[in-house]
Structures are given as C-alpha cells and as structure tokens.
Amino acid sequence: MFEFLEYPKCSTCKKAKKYLEDNNIPFCDRHIIDRKPTKEELNKWIILSGKEIKNWFNTSGVKYKELKLKDKLPNMTDDEKIELLSTDGMLVKRPILVTTEKVYIGFKENEWKEIIINKENYQ
C-alpha cells in the first residue's frame, strides 16, 4: 500500500486521489499539515523522486511567497532547504505519493500512468 500525502482542500490533491481510486491503486491518506514530512523522510524521498530539492517547494503557496523563498533558496544549502521543508507541510509541493520504488510529487497524470503499468510490482 502506498502513502498519499495531501492537503484535502487542494484541488490537485483531489484529482490525484480520484485517479488512484479510479485505478484501484491502494493507498493510505496522510494529511500533510497534521503529519508533515520529517527531514529523514524528505532526504529519502527526494532521492527516490529523482527531482531537485527546489522542485519540492510549493512555489504557488502563500507561505512560500510570504517568506520570499524565491530569493532565499538559491543561497541556502540542501540541508537548510530540507530543514525548512520539514517545518511546515504548506511549504511542500503536493500531493506526494510514496511507492516502494519511486516518489511522485505533484500530480501529472502522464507520470502517474507508470504506477498503473507497474502496479503488479508494487503489491
């Protein structure tokens, strides 16, 4: 079973959740605010995602803009970025789907199709 981190009011998270349900992909919900990702999880997941740390930030979020992170991130170390992400679930791009072999951030249906193709490998 996969772990699905979401902010329930987020329209993209709703679409991703429906996609998982419609395709019979087993998952357990995790509210990204109530149980924000830890530094340890983020370190592991960033590697499994194949994405740069900067891609893990919710750049359209209010908190990102309030903190002026667009200007600050280039001067931060990777450790500082991960530490910051671990402090507030609203800073993290969502949804996040954690599988045994890969971590998906954001919902792009064309990327998530590989979950369906490889579904047998995950169960």
PDB file of N, CA and C in Angstrom:
ATOM      1  N   MET A   1       0.836  -1.179   0.000  1.00  0.00           N
ATOM      2  CA  MET A   1       0.000   0.000   0.000  1.00  0.00           C
ATOM      3  C   MET A   1       0.885   1.249   0.000  1.00  0.00           C
ATOM      4  N   PHE A   2       0.483   2.225  -0.799  1.00  0.00           N
ATOM      5  CA  PHE A   2       1.246   3.452  -0.923  1.00  0.00           C
ATOM      6  C   PHE A   2       0.802   4.478   0.114  1.00  0.00           C
ATOM      7  N   GLU A   3       1.685   5.433   0.360  1.00  0.00           N
ATOM      8  CA  GLU A   3       1.343   6.540   1.242  1.00  0.00           C
ATOM      9  C   GLU A   3       1.060   7.754   0.363  1.00  0.00           C
ATOM     10  N   PHE A   4      -0.088   8.377   0.608  1.00  0.00           N
ATOM     11  CA  PHE A   4      -0.546   9.515  -0.185  1.00  0.00           C
ATOM     12  C   PHE A   4      -0.640  10.728   0.736  1.00  0.00           C
ATOM     13  N   LEU A   5       0.276  11.672   0.557  1.00  0.00           N
ATOM     14  CA  LEU A   5       0.274  12.889   1.362  1.00  0.00           C
ATOM     15  C   LEU A   5      -0.474  13.964   0.612  1.00  0.00           C
ATOM     16  N   GLU A   6      -1.460  14.534   1.299  1.00  0.00           N
ATOM     17  CA  GLU A   6      -2.320  15.511   0.639  1.00  0.00           C
ATOM     18  C   GLU A   6      -2.757  16.602   1.602  1.00  0.00           C
ATOM     19  N   TYR A   7      -3.200  17.684   1.015  1.00  0.00           N
ATOM     20  CA  TYR A   7      -3.929  18.721   1.731  1.00  0.00           C
ATOM     21  C   TYR A   7      -5.343  18.606   1.172  1.00  0.00           C
ATOM     22  N   PRO A   8      -6.297  18.108   1.961  1.00  0.00           N
ATOM     23  CA  PRO A   8      -7.622  17.762   1.438  1.00  0.00           C
ATOM     24  C   PRO A   8      -8.363  18.864   0.689  1.00  0.00           C
ATOM     25  N   LYS A   9      -8.070  20.137   0.965  1.00  0.00           N
ATOM     26  CA  LYS A   9      -8.761  21.226   0.274  1.00  0.00           C
ATOM     27  C   LYS A   9      -8.146  21.544  -1.083  1.00  0.00           C
ATOM     28  N   CYS A  10      -7.002  20.960  -1.370  1.00  0.00           N
ATOM     29  CA  CYS A  10      -6.271  21.224  -2.613  1.00  0.00           C
ATOM     30  C   CYS A  10      -6.948  20.505  -3.787  1.00  0.00           C
ATOM     31  N   SER A  11      -7.262  21.249  -4.838  1.00  0.00           N
ATOM     32  CA  SER A  11      -7.951  20.651  -5.995  1.00  0.00           C
ATOM     33  C   SER A  11      -7.068  19.637  -6.715  1.00  0.00           C
ATOM     34  N   THR A  12      -5.773  19.886  -6.775  1.00  0.00           N
ATOM     35  CA  THR A  12      -4.861  18.931  -7.419  1.00  0.00           C
ATOM     36  C   THR A  12      -4.798  17.632  -6.618  1.00  0.00           C
ATOM     37  N   CYS A  13      -4.798  17.755  -5.304  1.00  0.00           N
ATOM     38  CA  CYS A  13      -4.798  16.555  -4.454  1.00  0.00           C
ATOM     39  C   CYS A  13      -6.077  15.755  -4.662  1.00  0.00           C
ATOM     40  N   LYS A  14      -7.206  16.448  -4.807  1.00  0.00           N
ATOM     41  CA  LYS A  14      -8.485  15.768  -5.041  1.00  0.00           C
ATOM     42  C   LYS A  14      -8.453  14.995  -6.353  1.00  0.00           C
ATOM     43  N   LYS A  15      -7.894  15.616  -7.401  1.00  0.00           N
ATOM     44  CA  LYS A  15      -7.787  14.949  -8.705  1.00  0.00           C
ATOM     45  C   LYS A  15      -6.903  13.711  -8.602  1.00  0.00           C
ATOM     46  N   ALA A  16      -5.770  13.848  -7.910  1.00  0.00           N
ATOM     47  CA  ALA A  16      -4.846  12.728  -7.766  1.00  0.00           C
ATOM     48  C   ALA A  16      -5.487  11.582  -6.983  1.00  0.00           C
ATOM     49  N   LYS A  17      -6.198  11.918  -5.940  1.00  0.00           N
ATOM     50  CA  LYS A  17      -6.864  10.901  -5.123  1.00  0.00           C
ATOM     51  C   LYS A  17      -7.910  10.156  -5.947  1.00  0.00           C
ATOM     52  N   LYS A  18      -8.685  10.898  -6.719  1.00  0.00           N
ATOM     53  CA  LYS A  18      -9.687  10.273  -7.593  1.00  0.00           C
ATOM     54  C   LYS A  18      -9.006   9.358  -8.607  1.00  0.00           C
ATOM     55  N   TYR A  19      -7.892   9.794  -9.136  1.00  0.00           N
ATOM     56  CA  TYR A  19      -7.138   8.986 -10.095  1.00  0.00           C
ATOM     57  C   TYR A  19      -6.722   7.658  -9.465  1.00  0.00           C
ATOM     58  N   LEU A  20      -6.206   7.711  -8.246  1.00  0.00           N
ATOM     59  CA  LEU A  20      -5.794   6.495  -7.544  1.00  0.00           C
ATOM     60  C   LEU A  20      -6.991   5.581  -7.300  1.00  0.00           C
ATOM     61  N   GLU A  21      -8.089   6.162  -6.847  1.00  0.00           N
ATOM     62  CA  GLU A  21      -9.297   5.366  -6.573  1.00  0.00           C
ATOM     63  C   GLU A  21      -9.854   4.752  -7.848  1.00  0.00           C
ATOM     64  N   ASP A  22      -9.937   5.542  -8.915  1.00  0.00           N
ATOM     65  CA  ASP A  22     -10.475   5.053 -10.195  1.00  0.00           C
ATOM     66  C   ASP A  22      -9.638   3.924 -10.780  1.00  0.00           C
ATOM     67  N   ASN A  23      -8.353   3.902 -10.446  1.00  0.00           N
ATOM     68  CA  ASN A  23      -7.457   2.884 -10.988  1.00  0.00           C
ATOM     69  C   ASN A  23      -7.111   1.798  -9.965  1.00  0.00           C
ATOM     70  N   ASN A  24      -7.880   1.751  -8.885  1.00  0.00           N
ATOM     71  CA  ASN A  24      -7.723   0.715  -7.853  1.00  0.00           C
ATOM     72  C   ASN A  24      -6.297   0.603  -7.323  1.00  0.00           C
ATOM     73  N   ILE A  25      -5.680   1.756  -7.097  1.00  0.00           N
ATOM     74  CA  ILE A  25      -4.340   1.791  -6.522  1.00  0.00           C
ATOM     75  C   ILE A  25      -4.506   1.923  -5.005  1.00  0.00           C
ATOM     76  N   PRO A  26      -4.016   0.944  -4.237  1.00  0.00           N
ATOM     77  CA  PRO A  26      -4.188   1.009  -2.781  1.00  0.00           C
ATOM     78  C   PRO A  26      -3.286   2.079  -2.154  1.00  0.00           C
ATOM     79  N   PHE A  27      -3.866   2.874  -1.266  1.00  0.00           N
ATOM     80  CA  PHE A  27      -3.088   3.923  -0.605  1.00  0.00           C
ATOM     81  C   PHE A  27      -3.687   4.231   0.756  1.00  0.00           C
ATOM     82  N   CYS A  28      -2.861   4.812   1.604  1.00  0.00           N
ATOM     83  CA  CYS A  28      -3.356   5.340   2.870  1.00  0.00           C
ATOM     84  C   CYS A  28      -3.106   6.848   2.864  1.00  0.00           C
ATOM     85  N   ASP A  29      -4.104   7.557   3.354  1.00  0.00           N
ATOM     86  CA  ASP A  29      -4.055   9.016   3.395  1.00  0.00           C
ATOM     87  C   ASP A  29      -3.186   9.526   4.528  1.00  0.00           C
ATOM     88  N   ARG A  30      -2.527  10.619   4.265  1.00  0.00           N
ATOM     89  CA  ARG A  30      -1.770  11.323   5.301  1.00  0.00           C
ATOM     90  C   ARG A  30      -1.944  12.815   5.053  1.00  0.00           C
ATOM     91  N   HIS A  31      -2.502  13.498   6.022  1.00  0.00           N
ATOM     92  CA  HIS A  31      -2.713  14.946   5.928  1.00  0.00           C
ATOM     93  C   HIS A  31      -1.351  15.624   6.097  1.00  0.00           C
ATOM     94  N   ILE A  32      -0.926  16.354   5.097  1.00  0.00           N
ATOM     95  CA  ILE A  32       0.424  16.918   5.069  1.00  0.00           C
ATOM     96  C   ILE A  32       0.659  18.006   6.120  1.00  0.00           C
ATOM     97  N   ILE A  33      -0.425  18.555   6.666  1.00  0.00           N
ATOM     98  CA  ILE A  33      -0.284  19.556   7.723  1.00  0.00           C
ATOM     99  C   ILE A  33      -0.212  18.876   9.094  1.00  0.00           C
ATOM    100  N   ASP A  34      -1.115  17.935   9.312  1.00  0.00           N
ATOM    101  CA  ASP A  34      -1.166  17.244  10.603  1.00  0.00           C
ATOM    102  C   ASP A  34       0.053  16.354  10.833  1.00  0.00           C
ATOM    103  N   ARG A  35       0.542  15.732   9.765  1.00  0.00           N
ATOM    104  CA  ARG A  35       1.717  14.864   9.860  1.00  0.00           C
ATOM    105  C   ARG A  35       2.693  15.243   8.754  1.00  0.00           C
ATOM    106  N   LYS A  36       3.357  16.364   8.981  1.00  0.00           N
ATOM    107  CA  LYS A  36       4.269  16.884   7.952  1.00  0.00           C
ATOM    108  C   LYS A  36       5.458  15.933   7.766  1.00  0.00           C
ATOM    109  N   PRO A  37       6.036  15.948   6.577  1.00  0.00           N
ATOM    110  CA  PRO A  37       7.199  15.088   6.322  1.00  0.00           C
ATOM    111  C   PRO A  37       8.380  15.449   7.222  1.00  0.00           C
ATOM    112  N   THR A  38       9.063  14.441   7.707  1.00  0.00           N
ATOM    113  CA  THR A  38      10.240  14.663   8.539  1.00  0.00           C
ATOM    114  C   THR A  38      11.468  14.868   7.653  1.00  0.00           C
ATOM    115  N   LYS A  39      12.547  15.350   8.247  1.00  0.00           N
ATOM    116  CA  LYS A  39      13.807  15.514   7.499  1.00  0.00           C
ATOM    117  C   LYS A  39      14.261  14.177   6.945  1.00  0.00           C
ATOM    118  N   GLU A  40      14.138  13.125   7.753  1.00  0.00           N
ATOM    119  CA  GLU A  40      14.576  11.793   7.323  1.00  0.00           C
ATOM    120  C   GLU A  40      13.759  11.316   6.123  1.00  0.00           C
ATOM    121  N   GLU A  41      12.441  11.507   6.199  1.00  0.00           N
ATOM    122  CA  GLU A  41      11.587  11.122   5.071  1.00  0.00           C
ATOM    123  C   GLU A  41      11.953  11.922   3.834  1.00  0.00           C
ATOM    124  N   LEU A  42      12.080  13.222   3.989  1.00  0.00           N
ATOM    125  CA  LEU A  42      12.398  14.078   2.849  1.00  0.00           C
ATOM    126  C   LEU A  42      13.727  13.695   2.205  1.00  0.00           C
ATOM    127  N   ASN A  43      14.734  13.432   3.004  1.00  0.00           N
ATOM    128  CA  ASN A  43      16.030  13.020   2.453  1.00  0.00           C
ATOM    129  C   ASN A  43      15.874  11.775   1.583  1.00  0.00           C
ATOM    130  N   LYS A  44      15.134  10.815   2.068  1.00  0.00           N
ATOM    131  CA  LYS A  44      14.924   9.562   1.327  1.00  0.00           C
ATOM    132  C   LYS A  44      14.050   9.800   0.085  1.00  0.00           C
ATOM    133  N   TRP A  45      12.959  10.518   0.272  1.00  0.00           N
ATOM    134  CA  TRP A  45      12.007  10.721  -0.811  1.00  0.00           C
ATOM    135  C   TRP A  45      12.579  11.564  -1.945  1.00  0.00           C
ATOM    136  N   ILE A  46      13.378  12.552  -1.619  1.00  0.00           N
ATOM    137  CA  ILE A  46      13.961  13.396  -2.665  1.00  0.00           C
ATOM    138  C   ILE A  46      14.820  12.551  -3.596  1.00  0.00           C
ATOM    139  N   ILE A  47      15.589  11.650  -3.020  1.00  0.00           N
ATOM    140  CA  ILE A  47      16.410  10.750  -3.838  1.00  0.00           C
ATOM    141  C   ILE A  47      15.520   9.873  -4.714  1.00  0.00           C
ATOM    142  N   LEU A  48      14.480   9.274  -4.102  1.00  0.00           N
ATOM    143  CA  LEU A  48      13.590   8.377  -4.853  1.00  0.00           C
ATOM    144  C   LEU A  48      12.774   9.106  -5.925  1.00  0.00           C
ATOM    145  N   SER A  49      12.583  10.404  -5.753  1.00  0.00           N
ATOM    146  CA  SER A  49      11.804  11.157  -6.744  1.00  0.00           C
ATOM    147  C   SER A  49      12.621  11.481  -7.991  1.00  0.00           C
ATOM    148  N   GLY A  50      13.943  11.566  -7.824  1.00  0.00           N
ATOM    149  CA  GLY A  50      14.780  11.970  -8.943  1.00  0.00           C
ATOM    150  C   GLY A  50      14.665  13.452  -9.256  1.00  0.00           C
ATOM    151  N   LYS A  51      14.021  14.209  -8.384  1.00  0.00           N
ATOM    152  CA  LYS A  51      13.832  15.649  -8.592  1.00  0.00           C
ATOM    153  C   LYS A  51      14.784  16.439  -7.697  1.00  0.00           C
ATOM    154  N   GLU A  52      15.094  17.642  -8.112  1.00  0.00           N
ATOM    155  CA  GLU A  52      15.925  18.529  -7.298  1.00  0.00           C
ATOM    156  C   GLU A  52      15.118  19.016  -6.099  1.00  0.00           C
ATOM    157  N   ILE A  53      15.805  19.387  -5.043  1.00  0.00           N
ATOM    158  CA  ILE A  53      15.133  19.854  -3.830  1.00  0.00           C
ATOM    159  C   ILE A  53      14.236  21.051  -4.123  1.00  0.00           C
ATOM    160  N   LYS A  54      14.671  21.937  -4.997  1.00  0.00           N
ATOM    161  CA  LYS A  54      13.866  23.126  -5.294  1.00  0.00           C
ATOM    162  C   LYS A  54      12.489  22.757  -5.844  1.00  0.00           C
ATOM    163  N   ASN A  55      12.381  21.603  -6.490  1.00  0.00           N
ATOM    164  CA  ASN A  55      11.104  21.148  -7.035  1.00  0.00           C
ATOM    165  C   ASN A  55      10.135  20.675  -5.956  1.00  0.00           C
ATOM    166  N   TRP A  56      10.619  20.524  -4.747  1.00  0.00           N
ATOM    167  CA  TRP A  56       9.788  20.071  -3.632  1.00  0.00           C
ATOM    168  C   TRP A  56       9.055  21.219  -2.940  1.00  0.00           C
ATOM    169  N   PHE A  57       9.350  22.440  -3.319  1.00  0.00           N
ATOM    170  CA  PHE A  57       8.692  23.587  -2.701  1.00  0.00           C
ATOM    171  C   PHE A  57       7.400  23.931  -3.431  1.00  0.00           C
ATOM    172  N   ASN A  58       6.382  24.246  -2.658  1.00  0.00           N
ATOM    173  CA  ASN A  58       5.097  24.684  -3.183  1.00  0.00           C
ATOM    174  C   ASN A  58       5.221  26.167  -3.545  1.00  0.00           C
ATOM    175  N   THR A  59       5.721  26.420  -4.742  1.00  0.00           N
ATOM    176  CA  THR A  59       6.039  27.788  -5.148  1.00  0.00           C
ATOM    177  C   THR A  59       4.806  28.666  -5.337  1.00  0.00           C
ATOM    178  N   SER A  60       3.641  28.076  -5.447  1.00  0.00           N
ATOM    179  CA  SER A  60       2.421  28.882  -5.584  1.00  0.00           C
ATOM    180  C   SER A  60       1.753  29.141  -4.240  1.00  0.00           C
ATOM    181  N   GLY A  61       2.330  28.611  -3.176  1.00  0.00           N
ATOM    182  CA  GLY A  61       1.738  28.767  -1.859  1.00  0.00           C
ATOM    183  C   GLY A  61       1.982  30.123  -1.223  1.00  0.00           C
ATOM    184  N   VAL A  62       1.063  30.513  -0.355  1.00  0.00           N
ATOM    185  CA  VAL A  62       1.141  31.789   0.354  1.00  0.00           C
ATOM    186  C   VAL A  62       2.400  31.844   1.218  1.00  0.00           C
ATOM    187  N   LYS A  63       2.675  30.772   1.924  1.00  0.00           N
ATOM    188  CA  LYS A  63       3.822  30.740   2.836  1.00  0.00           C
ATOM    189  C   LYS A  63       5.139  30.953   2.069  1.00  0.00           C
ATOM    190  N   TYR A  64       5.261  30.294   0.916  1.00  0.00           N
ATOM    191  CA  TYR A  64       6.455  30.431   0.068  1.00  0.00           C
ATOM    192  C   TYR A  64       6.677  31.902  -0.292  1.00  0.00           C
ATOM    193  N   LYS A  65       5.588  32.564  -0.654  1.00  0.00           N
ATOM    194  CA  LYS A  65       5.675  33.972  -1.060  1.00  0.00           C
ATOM    195  C   LYS A  65       5.939  34.880   0.136  1.00  0.00           C
ATOM    196  N   GLU A  66       5.264  34.597   1.258  1.00  0.00           N
ATOM    197  CA  GLU A  66       5.475  35.406   2.465  1.00  0.00           C
ATOM    198  C   GLU A  66       6.933  35.371   2.914  1.00  0.00           C
ATOM    199  N   LEU A  67       7.546  34.198   2.824  1.00  0.00           N
ATOM    200  CA  LEU A  67       8.930  34.036   3.260  1.00  0.00           C
ATOM    201  C   LEU A  67       9.944  34.478   2.204  1.00  0.00           C
ATOM    202  N   LYS A  68       9.432  34.893   1.034  1.00  0.00           N
ATOM    203  CA  LYS A  68      10.290  35.347  -0.071  1.00  0.00           C
ATOM    204  C   LYS A  68      11.349  34.299  -0.428  1.00  0.00           C
ATOM    205  N   LEU A  69      10.884  33.058  -0.515  1.00  0.00           N
ATOM    206  CA  LEU A  69      11.811  31.949  -0.750  1.00  0.00           C
ATOM    207  C   LEU A  69      12.400  31.940  -2.156  1.00  0.00           C
ATOM    208  N   LYS A  70      11.722  32.560  -3.090  1.00  0.00           N
ATOM    209  CA  LYS A  70      12.274  32.635  -4.444  1.00  0.00           C
ATOM    210  C   LYS A  70      13.664  33.259  -4.409  1.00  0.00           C
ATOM    211  N   ASP A  71      13.832  34.259  -3.553  1.00  0.00           N
ATOM    212  CA  ASP A  71      15.112  34.949  -3.441  1.00  0.00           C
ATOM    213  C   ASP A  71      16.074  34.252  -2.481  1.00  0.00           C
ATOM    214  N   LYS A  72      15.539  33.580  -1.477  1.00  0.00           N
ATOM    215  CA  LYS A  72      16.379  32.989  -0.436  1.00  0.00           C
ATOM    216  C   LYS A  72      16.918  31.599  -0.782  1.00  0.00           C
ATOM    217  N   LEU A  73      16.130  30.788  -1.502  1.00  0.00           N
ATOM    218  CA  LEU A  73      16.538  29.405  -1.770  1.00  0.00           C
ATOM    219  C   LEU A  73      17.890  29.265  -2.470  1.00  0.00           C
ATOM    220  N   PRO A  74      18.198  30.119  -3.454  1.00  0.00           N
ATOM    221  CA  PRO A  74      19.489  29.956  -4.132  1.00  0.00           C
ATOM    222  C   PRO A  74      20.703  30.079  -3.205  1.00  0.00           C
ATOM    223  N   ASN A  75      20.533  30.759  -2.081  1.00  0.00           N
ATOM    224  CA  ASN A  75      21.638  30.955  -1.145  1.00  0.00           C
ATOM    225  C   ASN A  75      21.635  29.960   0.015  1.00  0.00           C
ATOM    226  N   MET A  76      20.696  29.033   0.001  1.00  0.00           N
ATOM    227  CA  MET A  76      20.590  28.054   1.088  1.00  0.00           C
ATOM    228  C   MET A  76      21.263  26.748   0.697  1.00  0.00           C
ATOM    229  N   THR A  77      21.781  26.030   1.690  1.00  0.00           N
ATOM    230  CA  THR A  77      22.345  24.703   1.439  1.00  0.00           C
ATOM    231  C   THR A  77      21.192  23.704   1.301  1.00  0.00           C
ATOM    232  N   ASP A  78      21.493  22.525   0.775  1.00  0.00           N
ATOM    233  CA  ASP A  78      20.477  21.483   0.666  1.00  0.00           C
ATOM    234  C   ASP A  78      19.927  21.116   2.042  1.00  0.00           C
ATOM    235  N   ASP A  79      20.808  21.031   3.026  1.00  0.00           N
ATOM    236  CA  ASP A  79      20.362  20.707   4.385  1.00  0.00           C
ATOM    237  C   ASP A  79      19.413  21.770   4.925  1.00  0.00           C
ATOM    238  N   GLU A  80      19.704  23.021   4.661  1.00  0.00           N
ATOM    239  CA  GLU A  80      18.829  24.110   5.120  1.00  0.00           C
ATOM    240  C   GLU A  80      17.468  24.043   4.423  1.00  0.00           C
ATOM    241  N   LYS A  81      17.467  23.714   3.150  1.00  0.00           N
ATOM    242  CA  LYS A  81      16.207  23.595   2.402  1.00  0.00           C
ATOM    243  C   LYS A  81      15.355  22.467   2.955  1.00  0.00           C
ATOM    244  N   ILE A  82      15.980  21.330   3.216  1.00  0.00           N
ATOM    245  CA  ILE A  82      15.243  20.177   3.750  1.00  0.00           C
ATOM    246  C   ILE A  82      14.728  20.483   5.157  1.00  0.00           C
ATOM    247  N   GLU A  83      15.548  21.131   5.950  1.00  0.00           N
ATOM    248  CA  GLU A  83      15.124  21.540   7.295  1.00  0.00           C
ATOM    249  C   GLU A  83      13.892  22.435   7.198  1.00  0.00           C
ATOM    250  N   LEU A  84      13.910  23.391   6.303  1.00  0.00           N
ATOM    251  CA  LEU A  84      12.793  24.302   6.121  1.00  0.00           C
ATOM    252  C   LEU A  84      11.541  23.556   5.667  1.00  0.00           C
ATOM    253  N   LEU A  85      11.679  22.683   4.692  1.00  0.00           N
ATOM    254  CA  LEU A  85      10.535  21.890   4.221  1.00  0.00           C
ATOM    255  C   LEU A  85       9.908  21.087   5.353  1.00  0.00           C
ATOM    256  N   SER A  86      10.731  20.585   6.251  1.00  0.00           N
ATOM    257  CA  SER A  86      10.223  19.738   7.333  1.00  0.00           C
ATOM    258  C   SER A  86       9.483  20.521   8.415  1.00  0.00           C
ATOM    259  N   THR A  87       9.549  21.845   8.373  1.00  0.00           N
ATOM    260  CA  THR A  87       8.911  22.649   9.409  1.00  0.00           C
ATOM    261  C   THR A  87       7.443  22.954   9.143  1.00  0.00           C
ATOM    262  N   ASP A  88       7.023  22.848   7.880  1.00  0.00           N
ATOM    263  CA  ASP A  88       5.663  23.268   7.542  1.00  0.00           C
ATOM    264  C   ASP A  88       5.187  22.537   6.282  1.00  0.00           C
ATOM    265  N   GLY A  89       4.150  21.733   6.432  1.00  0.00           N
ATOM    266  CA  GLY A  89       3.618  20.978   5.299  1.00  0.00           C
ATOM    267  C   GLY A  89       3.115  21.855   4.165  1.00  0.00           C
ATOM    268  N   MET A  90       2.768  23.111   4.473  1.00  0.00           N
ATOM    269  CA  MET A  90       2.276  24.002   3.419  1.00  0.00           C
ATOM    270  C   MET A  90       3.403  24.480   2.497  1.00  0.00           C
ATOM    271  N   LEU A  91       4.636  24.289   2.890  1.00  0.00           N
ATOM    272  CA  LEU A  91       5.763  24.647   2.026  1.00  0.00           C
ATOM    273  C   LEU A  91       6.061  23.559   0.995  1.00  0.00           C
ATOM    274  N   VAL A  92       5.537  22.373   1.233  1.00  0.00           N
ATOM    275  CA  VAL A  92       5.872  21.207   0.407  1.00  0.00           C
ATOM    276  C   VAL A  92       4.895  21.072  -0.749  1.00  0.00           C
ATOM    277  N   LYS A  93       5.437  20.845  -1.928  1.00  0.00           N
ATOM    278  CA  LYS A  93       4.603  20.603  -3.111  1.00  0.00           C
ATOM    279  C   LYS A  93       3.786  19.345  -2.862  1.00  0.00           C
ATOM    280  N   ARG A  94       2.565  19.365  -3.302  1.00  0.00           N
ATOM    281  CA  ARG A  94       1.683  18.239  -3.074  1.00  0.00           C
ATOM    282  C   ARG A  94       0.811  18.005  -4.290  1.00  0.00           C
ATOM    283  N   PRO A  95       0.227  16.831  -4.375  1.00  0.00           N
ATOM    284  CA  PRO A  95       0.329  15.700  -3.460  1.00  0.00           C
ATOM    285  C   PRO A  95       1.667  14.988  -3.610  1.00  0.00           C
ATOM    286  N   ILE A  96       1.920  14.108  -2.658  1.00  0.00           N
ATOM    287  CA  ILE A  96       3.097  13.235  -2.704  1.00  0.00           C
ATOM    288  C   ILE A  96       2.586  11.810  -2.644  1.00  0.00           C
ATOM    289  N   LEU A  97       3.084  10.982  -3.532  1.00  0.00           N
ATOM    290  CA  LEU A  97       2.746   9.565  -3.499  1.00  0.00           C
ATOM    291  C   LEU A  97       4.039   8.786  -3.316  1.00  0.00           C
ATOM    292  N   VAL A  98       4.107   8.053  -2.217  1.00  0.00           N
ATOM    293  CA  VAL A  98       5.300   7.277  -1.888  1.00  0.00           C
ATOM    294  C   VAL A  98       5.030   5.822  -2.225  1.00  0.00           C
ATOM    295  N   THR A  99       5.762   5.300  -3.204  1.00  0.00           N
ATOM    296  CA  THR A  99       5.666   3.880  -3.548  1.00  0.00           C
ATOM    297  C   THR A  99       6.943   3.199  -3.067  1.00  0.00           C
ATOM    298  N   THR A 100       7.035   1.923  -3.286  1.00  0.00           N
ATOM    299  CA  THR A 100       8.216   1.197  -2.834  1.00  0.00           C
ATOM    300  C   THR A 100       9.464   1.547  -3.630  1.00  0.00           C
ATOM    301  N   GLU A 101       9.265   2.009  -4.864  1.00  0.00           N
ATOM    302  CA  GLU A 101      10.415   2.245  -5.729  1.00  0.00           C
ATOM    303  C   GLU A 101      10.607   3.695  -6.145  1.00  0.00           C
ATOM    304  N   LYS A 102       9.559   4.504  -6.009  1.00  0.00           N
ATOM    305  CA  LYS A 102       9.636   5.872  -6.506  1.00  0.00           C
ATOM    306  C   LYS A 102       8.709   6.761  -5.694  1.00  0.00           C
ATOM    307  N   VAL A 103       9.032   8.053  -5.683  1.00  0.00           N
ATOM    308  CA  VAL A 103       8.177   9.041  -5.035  1.00  0.00           C
ATOM    309  C   VAL A 103       7.760  10.060  -6.091  1.00  0.00           C
ATOM    310  N   TYR A 104       6.457  10.317  -6.147  1.00  0.00           N
ATOM    311  CA  TYR A 104       5.898  11.270  -7.100  1.00  0.00           C
ATOM    312  C   TYR A 104       5.483  12.527  -6.349  1.00  0.00           C
ATOM    313  N   ILE A 105       5.860  13.687  -6.875  1.00  0.00           N
ATOM    314  CA  ILE A 105       5.423  14.953  -6.278  1.00  0.00           C
ATOM    315  C   ILE A 105       4.612  15.720  -7.306  1.00  0.00           C
ATOM    316  N   GLY A 106       3.535  16.329  -6.827  1.00  0.00           N
ATOM    317  CA  GLY A 106       2.615  16.973  -7.745  1.00  0.00           C
ATOM    318  C   GLY A 106       1.851  15.896  -8.505  1.00  0.00           C
ATOM    319  N   PHE A 107       0.812  16.280  -9.189  1.00  0.00           N
ATOM    320  CA  PHE A 107       0.046  15.297  -9.954  1.00  0.00           C
ATOM    321  C   PHE A 107       0.141  15.607 -11.429  1.00  0.00           C
ATOM    322  N   LYS A 108       0.865  14.746 -12.116  1.00  0.00           N
ATOM    323  CA  LYS A 108       0.946  14.799 -13.572  1.00  0.00           C
ATOM    324  C   LYS A 108       0.522  13.419 -14.050  1.00  0.00           C
ATOM    325  N   GLU A 109      -0.672  13.358 -14.625  1.00  0.00           N
ATOM    326  CA  GLU A 109      -1.252  12.067 -14.987  1.00  0.00           C
ATOM    327  C   GLU A 109      -0.322  11.235 -15.864  1.00  0.00           C
ATOM    328  N   ASN A 110       0.394  11.880 -16.791  1.00  0.00           N
ATOM    329  CA  ASN A 110       1.290  11.127 -17.670  1.00  0.00           C
ATOM    330  C   ASN A 110       2.412  10.446 -16.888  1.00  0.00           C
ATOM    331  N   GLU A 111       2.867  11.058 -15.773  1.00  0.00           N
ATOM    332  CA  GLU A 111       3.887  10.422 -14.933  1.00  0.00           C
ATOM    333  C   GLU A 111       3.276   9.314 -14.081  1.00  0.00           C
ATOM    334  N   TRP A 112       2.093   9.561 -13.564  1.00  0.00           N
ATOM    335  CA  TRP A 112       1.446   8.599 -12.670  1.00  0.00           C
ATOM    336  C   TRP A 112       0.963   7.349 -13.412  1.00  0.00           C
ATOM    337  N   LYS A 113       0.881   7.405 -14.742  1.00  0.00           N
ATOM    338  CA  LYS A 113       0.459   6.226 -15.514  1.00  0.00           C
ATOM    339  C   LYS A 113       1.398   5.049 -15.285  1.00  0.00           C
ATOM    340  N   GLU A 114       2.668   5.324 -15.021  1.00  0.00           N
ATOM    341  CA  GLU A 114       3.613   4.230 -14.792  1.00  0.00           C
ATOM    342  C   GLU A 114       3.268   3.441 -13.533  1.00  0.00           C
ATOM    343  N   ILE A 115       2.529   4.048 -12.612  1.00  0.00           N
ATOM    344  CA  ILE A 115       2.081   3.326 -11.419  1.00  0.00           C
ATOM    345  C   ILE A 115       1.124   2.216 -11.838  1.00  0.00           C
ATOM    346  N   ILE A 116       0.219   2.544 -12.749  1.00  0.00           N
ATOM    347  CA  ILE A 116      -0.752   1.556 -13.224  1.00  0.00           C
ATOM    348  C   ILE A 116      -0.036   0.460 -13.998  1.00  0.00           C
ATOM    349  N   ILE A 117       0.898   0.866 -14.844  1.00  0.00           N
ATOM    350  CA  ILE A 117       1.640  -0.106 -15.652  1.00  0.00           C
ATOM    351  C   ILE A 117       2.407  -1.060 -14.760  1.00  0.00           C
ATOM    352  N   ASN A 118       3.000  -0.536 -13.679  1.00  0.00           N
ATOM    353  CA  ASN A 118       3.832  -1.358 -12.791  1.00  0.00           C
ATOM    354  C   ASN A 118       3.101  -1.799 -11.528  1.00  0.00           C
ATOM    355  N   LYS A 119       1.791  -1.715 -11.513  1.00  0.00           N
ATOM    356  CA  LYS A 119       1.006  -1.991 -10.313  1.00  0.00           C
ATOM    357  C   LYS A 119       1.333  -3.366  -9.717  1.00  0.00           C
ATOM    358  N   GLU A 120       1.517  -4.335 -10.556  1.00  0.00           N
ATOM    359  CA  GLU A 120       1.815  -5.696 -10.057  1.00  0.00           C
ATOM    360  C   GLU A 120       3.112  -5.731  -9.257  1.00  0.00           C
ATOM    361  N   ASN A 121       4.078  -4.905  -9.632  1.00  0.00           N
ATOM    362  CA  ASN A 121       5.371  -4.873  -8.930  1.00  0.00           C
ATOM    363  C   ASN A 121       5.258  -4.264  -7.543  1.00  0.00           C
ATOM    364  N   TYR A 122       4.225  -3.462  -7.327  1.00  0.00           N
ATOM    365  CA  TYR A 122       4.082  -2.749  -6.063  1.00  0.00           C
ATOM    366  C   TYR A 122       3.286  -3.529  -5.022  1.00  0.00           C
ATOM    367  N   GLN A 123       2.582  -4.551  -5.441  1.00  0.00           N
ATOM    368  CA  GLN A 123       1.696  -5.235  -4.498  1.00  0.00           C
ATOM    369  C   GLN A 123       2.349  -6.447  -3.876  1.00  0.00           C
TER     370      GLN A 123
END
